[in-house]
Amino acid sequence: ISPSGFYWDAGQKGTEWFGGDIRNTHTKNWHLIRKSGDAVWYIIKQFMLMEQKGITVQTHWKNGNKRVCDAFVQLWNKHRQIGQFIHSETGDVIVGGSTSGAIVPAALTLAAKYYNEHQYLQVAQAIARYYYETFTRKGITNGGPGDALQAFDSESSYALVESYTTLYEHTKDSFWLQAAQDAAHQFATWVVSYNYRYNDTTAFAKLKIATVGGVYANIQNKHSAPGICTASGIALLKLYRYTNNPFFLQLLFDIAHNTPQYLPHPHNKVLNTPTGWVTERINMTDWEGPQSIGYVLPLSTWAETSLMLTHAEIPGIYVDIAQQK
């Protein structure tokens, strides 16, 4: 945890911690606020799962994560926004605006329950209302990716679906259910709704890749990708359950079924890509040159995390017993 109270952006060897982009020295202490939001959200979910399975959660782990929650409260109370980049030493806003911290309301809502701190829920709702009025109502989300300035993006778009849905789960306030539906319809515009016809000579044509359900990350990167960066899409399943609207279930179905196609496995060779490495490029345009359309980028990427989360959180078969009666 940095002096600001937020997590460091990255680390190595377990002893070296830093923020920003190591290729750009002027960003040395820039903390992408999304990273602390994602961390609190997933760490508390992991704590809950560990305790459910009888695995001890160390007290200093709990206390350390709570410090980050407190830092979010302080940041909101001081600036009435949580910005995009925060100074890792001082906690001040360096670059303001954006929905980079879109997952923070969900994280603080879960923290309110886990730590029994009602103020976390109050701040979660205040941040979420700010996001709804300033961004969702205008149909925009931006600043989620750390490498795309404040380009419009799907990553914070989906994170708002998660936050609004989580707030509805915990408060039963119908405002948040409507907000979640608004955000989900906006997020759907980032999801590929057709199967691109690749040239027969391309790798994706030979692999019989279907592009329906790919998710465009942001308007800087002119390609869709396998999965949501970085989430399973479980909020869409919850929205279906709360609204009975099959649109949300179908959207999740498309995304979940798209992602496994790119997973190299002994029984599913993806050219010479090592087993387990999932390309993040679903190129349907020539933004990287005509030769890149339908090619396989042999890198280990965040898409692997999305695929694992999908496997862990999304049921393979979902039966709604109430609908069968």
Protein backbone atom coordinates (compact mmCIF):
# COMPACT_ATOMS: atom_id res chain seq x y z
CA ILE A 1 0.00 0.00 0.00
CA SER A 2 1.40 3.38 -1.05
CA PRO A 3 1.71 6.42 1.26
CA SER A 4 -1.55 7.73 -0.25
CA GLY A 5 -3.44 4.81 1.30
CA PHE A 6 -4.18 3.28 -2.10
CA TYR A 7 -2.49 0.25 -3.58
CA TRP A 8 0.60 0.66 -5.70
CA ASP A 9 -0.01 0.13 -9.42
CA ALA A 10 2.58 -2.59 -9.81
CA GLY A 11 5.47 -4.36 -8.14
CA GLN A 12 8.25 -6.83 -8.65
CA LYS A 13 10.26 -9.23 -6.50
CA GLY A 14 7.90 -8.59 -3.59
CA THR A 15 9.96 -5.61 -2.50
CA GLU A 16 9.78 -3.01 -5.28
CA TRP A 17 6.59 -1.02 -5.76
CA PHE A 18 5.77 1.74 -8.20
CA GLY A 19 2.99 3.57 -10.01
CA GLY A 20 2.42 4.84 -13.50
CA ASP A 21 4.05 3.65 -16.69
CA ILE A 22 7.72 2.74 -16.30
CA ARG A 23 8.26 3.91 -19.89
CA ASN A 24 7.15 7.44 -18.98
CA THR A 25 9.08 8.77 -16.01
CA HIS A 26 6.75 11.73 -15.46
CA THR A 27 4.02 9.25 -14.42
CA LYS A 28 6.19 7.67 -11.72
CA ASN A 29 3.64 8.35 -8.96
CA TRP A 30 0.46 8.23 -11.04
CA HIS A 31 -2.01 5.71 -9.63
CA LEU A 32 -4.86 4.59 -11.90
CA ILE A 33 -7.74 4.69 -9.44
CA ARG A 34 -9.43 1.77 -11.17
CA LYS A 35 -6.66 -0.51 -9.92
CA SER A 36 -7.44 0.08 -6.25
CA GLY A 37 -11.13 -0.32 -7.01
CA ASP A 38 -10.59 -3.65 -8.76
CA ALA A 39 -8.30 -4.77 -5.96
CA VAL A 40 -10.73 -4.02 -3.12
CA TRP A 41 -13.61 -5.62 -5.06
CA TYR A 42 -11.83 -8.89 -5.82
CA ILE A 43 -9.88 -9.12 -2.56
CA ILE A 44 -13.06 -8.90 -0.46
CA LYS A 45 -14.72 -11.48 -2.68
CA GLN A 46 -11.70 -13.69 -2.13
CA PHE A 47 -11.74 -13.10 1.65
CA MET A 48 -15.41 -14.13 1.73
CA LEU A 49 -14.73 -17.26 -0.26
CA MET A 50 -11.74 -18.19 1.92
CA GLU A 51 -13.80 -17.82 5.09
CA GLN A 52 -16.63 -19.83 3.56
CA LYS A 53 -14.13 -22.63 2.92
CA GLY A 54 -12.59 -22.38 6.38
CA ILE A 55 -9.33 -20.78 5.21
CA THR A 56 -7.88 -18.23 7.63
CA VAL A 57 -7.77 -14.63 6.44
CA GLN A 58 -4.90 -12.88 8.19
CA THR A 59 -5.90 -9.83 10.25
CA HIS A 60 -3.26 -7.61 8.67
CA TRP A 61 -4.64 -8.51 5.22
CA LYS A 62 -8.09 -7.34 6.31
CA ASN A 63 -6.71 -4.19 7.92
CA GLY A 64 -4.57 -3.34 4.90
CA ASN A 65 -7.50 -3.64 2.52
CA LYS A 66 -9.63 -1.55 4.88
CA ARG A 67 -7.04 1.22 4.70
CA VAL A 68 -7.69 1.44 0.97
CA CYS A 69 -11.44 1.69 1.61
CA ASP A 70 -10.76 4.55 4.02
CA ALA A 71 -8.60 6.25 1.38
CA PHE A 72 -11.55 6.17 -1.03
CA VAL A 73 -13.77 7.81 1.58
CA GLN A 74 -11.17 10.54 2.19
CA LEU A 75 -10.69 11.11 -1.54
CA TRP A 76 -14.42 11.49 -2.15
CA ASN A 77 -14.96 13.75 0.85
CA LYS A 78 -12.12 16.03 -0.24
CA HIS A 79 -12.73 16.27 -3.99
CA ARG A 80 -16.32 15.08 -4.54
CA GLN A 81 -14.93 12.89 -7.31
CA ILE A 82 -12.37 10.08 -7.39
CA GLY A 83 -10.64 11.10 -10.59
CA GLN A 84 -8.63 8.95 -12.96
CA PHE A 85 -5.03 9.26 -11.74
CA ILE A 86 -4.14 9.90 -8.08
CA HIS A 87 -0.70 10.76 -6.69
CA SER A 88 0.66 7.65 -4.96
CA GLU A 89 2.50 9.73 -2.35
CA THR A 90 -0.06 12.41 -1.50
CA GLY A 91 -3.42 10.98 -2.55
CA ASP A 92 -4.26 14.16 -4.51
CA VAL A 93 -6.03 14.06 -7.86
CA ILE A 94 -3.55 14.43 -10.73
CA VAL A 95 -5.96 13.78 -13.60
CA GLY A 96 -9.61 14.34 -12.77
CA GLY A 97 -12.89 13.29 -14.29
CA SER A 98 -13.64 9.95 -16.00
CA THR A 99 -15.34 6.75 -14.88
CA SER A 100 -12.02 5.03 -14.21
CA GLY A 101 -13.22 4.14 -10.73
CA ALA A 102 -16.54 2.72 -11.94
CA ILE A 103 -16.13 -0.46 -9.87
CA VAL A 104 -15.50 1.51 -6.66
CA PRO A 105 -19.19 1.79 -5.63
CA ALA A 106 -19.47 -2.01 -5.87
CA ALA A 107 -16.23 -2.43 -3.92
CA LEU A 108 -17.30 -0.08 -1.14
CA THR A 109 -20.77 -1.63 -0.98
CA LEU A 110 -19.21 -5.04 -0.43
CA ALA A 111 -16.76 -3.50 2.05
CA ALA A 112 -19.65 -2.00 4.02
CA LYS A 113 -21.03 -5.47 4.55
CA TYR A 114 -17.69 -7.16 5.17
CA TYR A 115 -16.28 -4.58 7.60
CA ASN A 116 -19.67 -3.53 9.01
CA GLU A 117 -18.95 0.12 8.10
CA HIS A 118 -22.11 1.96 7.06
CA GLN A 119 -20.15 5.00 5.83
CA TYR A 120 -18.73 2.88 3.02
CA LEU A 121 -22.24 2.30 1.70
CA GLN A 122 -23.06 6.01 1.97
CA VAL A 123 -19.97 6.97 -0.02
CA ALA A 124 -20.61 4.16 -2.52
CA GLN A 125 -24.05 5.59 -3.25
CA ALA A 126 -22.72 9.15 -3.50
CA ILE A 127 -20.03 8.13 -6.01
CA ALA A 128 -22.51 6.03 -7.99
CA ARG A 129 -25.03 8.89 -8.20
CA TYR A 130 -22.22 11.17 -9.42
CA TYR A 131 -21.37 8.62 -12.10
CA TYR A 132 -25.00 8.18 -13.10
CA GLU A 133 -25.75 11.90 -13.42
CA THR A 134 -22.42 12.87 -14.98
CA PHE A 135 -21.83 9.92 -17.29
CA THR A 136 -24.53 7.25 -17.57
CA ARG A 137 -27.34 9.73 -18.27
CA LYS A 138 -25.20 11.17 -21.05
CA GLY A 139 -24.40 7.77 -22.52
CA ILE A 140 -20.64 7.95 -22.01
CA THR A 141 -17.97 6.16 -19.99
CA ASN A 142 -14.24 6.81 -20.21
CA GLY A 143 -10.88 6.42 -18.53
CA GLY A 144 -11.00 2.77 -17.51
CA PRO A 145 -7.90 1.61 -19.43
CA GLY A 146 -4.58 2.93 -18.20
CA ASP A 147 -3.15 3.21 -21.70
CA ALA A 148 -5.87 5.09 -23.58
CA LEU A 149 -5.94 8.52 -21.92
CA GLN A 150 -9.67 9.22 -21.43
CA ALA A 151 -10.93 7.42 -24.51
CA PHE A 152 -14.49 6.11 -24.31
CA ASP A 153 -14.32 2.53 -23.08
CA SER A 154 -16.32 -0.62 -22.34
CA GLU A 155 -14.29 -1.55 -19.28
CA SER A 156 -15.71 1.15 -17.02
CA SER A 157 -19.03 0.79 -18.85
CA TYR A 158 -19.39 -2.78 -17.59
CA ALA A 159 -17.97 -1.87 -14.17
CA LEU A 160 -20.88 0.56 -13.74
CA VAL A 161 -23.29 -2.30 -14.45
CA GLU A 162 -21.56 -4.23 -11.66
CA SER A 163 -21.68 -1.26 -9.28
CA TYR A 164 -25.32 -0.32 -9.87
CA THR A 165 -26.40 -3.97 -9.66
CA THR A 166 -24.45 -4.49 -6.42
CA LEU A 167 -26.05 -1.39 -4.91
CA TYR A 168 -29.49 -2.72 -5.83
CA GLU A 169 -28.64 -6.09 -4.28
CA HIS A 170 -27.71 -4.48 -0.97
CA THR A 171 -30.24 -1.60 -0.79
CA LYS A 172 -33.22 -2.87 -2.83
CA ASP A 173 -33.58 0.72 -4.06
CA SER A 174 -35.29 0.54 -7.48
CA PHE A 175 -33.25 3.55 -8.66
CA TRP A 176 -30.17 1.36 -8.81
CA LEU A 177 -31.97 -1.39 -10.72
CA GLN A 178 -32.99 1.11 -13.39
CA ALA A 179 -29.48 2.58 -13.43
CA ALA A 180 -28.04 -0.91 -13.91
CA GLN A 181 -30.34 -1.55 -16.86
CA ASP A 182 -29.41 1.77 -18.44
CA ALA A 183 -25.72 0.97 -18.03
CA ALA A 184 -26.16 -2.57 -19.38
CA HIS A 185 -27.86 -1.33 -22.54
CA GLN A 186 -24.98 1.10 -23.06
CA PHE A 187 -22.43 -1.65 -22.43
CA ALA A 188 -24.16 -3.85 -25.03
CA THR A 189 -23.15 -1.36 -27.73
CA TRP A 190 -19.53 -2.45 -27.19
CA VAL A 191 -20.31 -6.13 -27.85
CA VAL A 192 -19.98 -7.57 -31.37
CA SER A 193 -23.38 -8.67 -32.65
CA TYR A 194 -22.40 -10.37 -35.93
CA ASN A 195 -19.97 -12.97 -37.25
CA TYR A 196 -17.27 -11.37 -39.35
CA ARG A 197 -16.36 -13.26 -42.53
CA TYR A 198 -12.60 -13.65 -42.53
CA ASN A 199 -10.59 -14.32 -45.65
CA ASP A 200 -10.01 -18.07 -46.00
CA THR A 201 -6.24 -17.58 -45.68
CA THR A 202 -6.44 -15.98 -42.21
CA ALA A 203 -5.73 -17.82 -38.97
CA PHE A 204 -9.19 -17.05 -37.57
CA ALA A 205 -10.91 -18.45 -40.66
CA LYS A 206 -8.93 -21.67 -40.33
CA LEU A 207 -9.83 -21.81 -36.62
CA LYS A 208 -13.52 -21.18 -37.49
CA ILE A 209 -13.67 -18.25 -35.06
CA ALA A 210 -17.13 -16.74 -34.51
CA THR A 211 -16.89 -13.08 -33.54
CA VAL A 212 -20.32 -12.66 -31.90
CA GLY A 213 -19.76 -11.77 -28.23
CA GLY A 214 -16.34 -10.19 -28.62
CA VAL A 215 -16.04 -6.98 -26.58
CA TYR A 216 -14.39 -3.81 -27.85
CA ALA A 217 -12.18 -2.44 -25.06
CA ASN A 218 -12.07 1.22 -26.06
CA ILE A 219 -12.05 3.53 -29.08
CA GLN A 220 -8.26 3.77 -29.12
CA ASN A 221 -7.80 0.05 -29.84
CA LYS A 222 -9.68 -0.83 -33.01
CA HIS A 223 -10.26 -4.47 -32.15
CA SER A 224 -12.62 -6.45 -29.99
CA ALA A 225 -11.31 -8.94 -27.44
CA PRO A 226 -12.27 -12.20 -25.71
CA GLY A 227 -14.27 -11.24 -22.64
CA ILE A 228 -14.74 -8.15 -20.51
CA CYS A 229 -11.59 -6.47 -19.22
CA THR A 230 -11.53 -7.71 -16.50
CA ALA A 231 -14.73 -9.42 -15.38
CA SER A 232 -16.96 -12.42 -15.97
CA GLY A 233 -20.15 -10.51 -16.69
CA ILE A 234 -22.00 -11.98 -13.73
CA ALA A 235 -23.91 -8.72 -13.18
CA LEU A 236 -25.76 -9.47 -16.42
CA LEU A 237 -26.96 -12.79 -14.98
CA LYS A 238 -28.11 -10.99 -11.84
CA LEU A 239 -29.93 -8.37 -13.93
CA TYR A 240 -31.75 -11.12 -15.78
CA ARG A 241 -32.83 -12.62 -12.47
CA TYR A 242 -34.00 -9.24 -11.11
CA THR A 243 -35.81 -8.10 -14.27
CA ASN A 244 -36.78 -11.30 -16.15
CA ASN A 245 -35.50 -9.58 -19.30
CA PRO A 246 -33.83 -12.24 -21.49
CA PHE A 247 -31.80 -9.56 -23.28
CA PHE A 248 -29.28 -9.54 -20.43
CA LEU A 249 -28.99 -13.32 -20.37
CA GLN A 250 -28.46 -13.49 -24.13
CA LEU A 251 -25.79 -10.80 -23.95
CA LEU A 252 -23.94 -12.77 -21.28
CA PHE A 253 -24.38 -15.98 -23.30
CA ASP A 254 -22.75 -14.36 -26.34
CA ILE A 255 -19.78 -13.06 -24.34
CA ALA A 256 -19.23 -16.27 -22.37
CA HIS A 257 -19.38 -18.44 -25.49
CA ASN A 258 -16.97 -16.23 -27.40
CA THR A 259 -14.04 -16.42 -24.98
CA PRO A 260 -13.05 -20.14 -24.99
CA GLN A 261 -12.43 -20.14 -28.77
CA TYR A 262 -9.04 -18.50 -28.35
CA LEU A 263 -7.71 -20.75 -25.58
CA PRO A 264 -4.77 -22.87 -26.79
CA HIS A 265 -5.00 -26.41 -25.44
CA PRO A 266 -3.52 -29.78 -26.47
CA HIS A 267 -6.94 -30.56 -27.96
CA ASN A 268 -7.40 -27.06 -29.39
CA LYS A 269 -4.20 -25.87 -31.04
CA VAL A 270 -4.13 -22.14 -31.80
CA LEU A 271 -1.21 -22.08 -34.20
CA ASN A 272 2.01 -22.09 -32.17
CA THR A 273 0.60 -20.16 -29.18
CA PRO A 274 1.63 -21.77 -25.86
CA THR A 275 -1.07 -23.60 -23.92
CA GLY A 276 -3.10 -21.19 -21.80
CA TRP A 277 -2.09 -17.98 -23.57
CA VAL A 278 -5.15 -16.11 -24.84
CA THR A 279 -4.75 -13.47 -27.54
CA GLU A 280 -6.45 -10.14 -26.82
CA ARG A 281 -6.83 -9.27 -30.50
CA ILE A 282 -9.99 -10.06 -32.44
CA ASN A 283 -9.06 -7.94 -35.43
CA MET A 284 -11.85 -7.23 -37.89
CA THR A 285 -10.20 -4.07 -39.23
CA ASP A 286 -6.81 -3.17 -40.67
CA TRP A 287 -5.88 -0.72 -37.91
CA GLU A 288 -2.59 -2.63 -37.49
CA GLY A 289 -2.26 -3.26 -41.22
CA PRO A 290 -4.13 -5.57 -43.63
CA GLN A 291 -1.96 -8.51 -42.59
CA SER A 292 -3.30 -8.32 -39.03
CA ILE A 293 -6.95 -9.02 -39.88
CA GLY A 294 -7.82 -12.37 -38.32
CA TYR A 295 -4.30 -13.03 -37.03
CA VAL A 296 -3.31 -14.53 -33.68
CA LEU A 297 -1.23 -12.36 -31.35
CA PRO A 298 0.84 -14.93 -29.37
CA LEU A 299 0.91 -13.15 -26.00
CA SER A 300 -0.24 -13.93 -22.48
CA THR A 301 -2.93 -11.33 -21.75
CA TRP A 302 -5.66 -10.18 -19.37
CA ALA A 303 -8.14 -12.17 -21.47
CA GLU A 304 -6.98 -15.25 -19.56
CA THR A 305 -8.25 -13.68 -16.34
CA SER A 306 -11.63 -12.94 -17.91
CA LEU A 307 -11.87 -16.53 -19.10
CA MET A 308 -11.01 -17.90 -15.65
CA LEU A 309 -13.54 -15.59 -14.00
CA THR A 310 -16.17 -16.73 -16.49
CA HIS A 311 -15.43 -20.35 -15.62
CA ALA A 312 -15.55 -19.60 -11.87
CA GLU A 313 -18.59 -17.32 -11.70
CA ILE A 314 -20.91 -18.13 -14.62
CA PRO A 315 -22.94 -21.36 -14.48
CA GLY A 316 -22.60 -23.66 -17.48
CA ILE A 317 -26.28 -24.56 -17.18
CA TYR A 318 -28.81 -22.20 -15.58
CA VAL A 319 -32.30 -23.45 -14.77
CA ASP A 320 -34.90 -21.02 -13.45
CA ILE A 321 -37.27 -23.35 -11.61
CA ALA A 322 -39.85 -20.61 -11.11
CA GLN A 323 -40.14 -20.21 -14.87
CA GLN A 324 -40.76 -23.94 -15.33
CA LYS A 325 -43.88 -24.08 -13.20
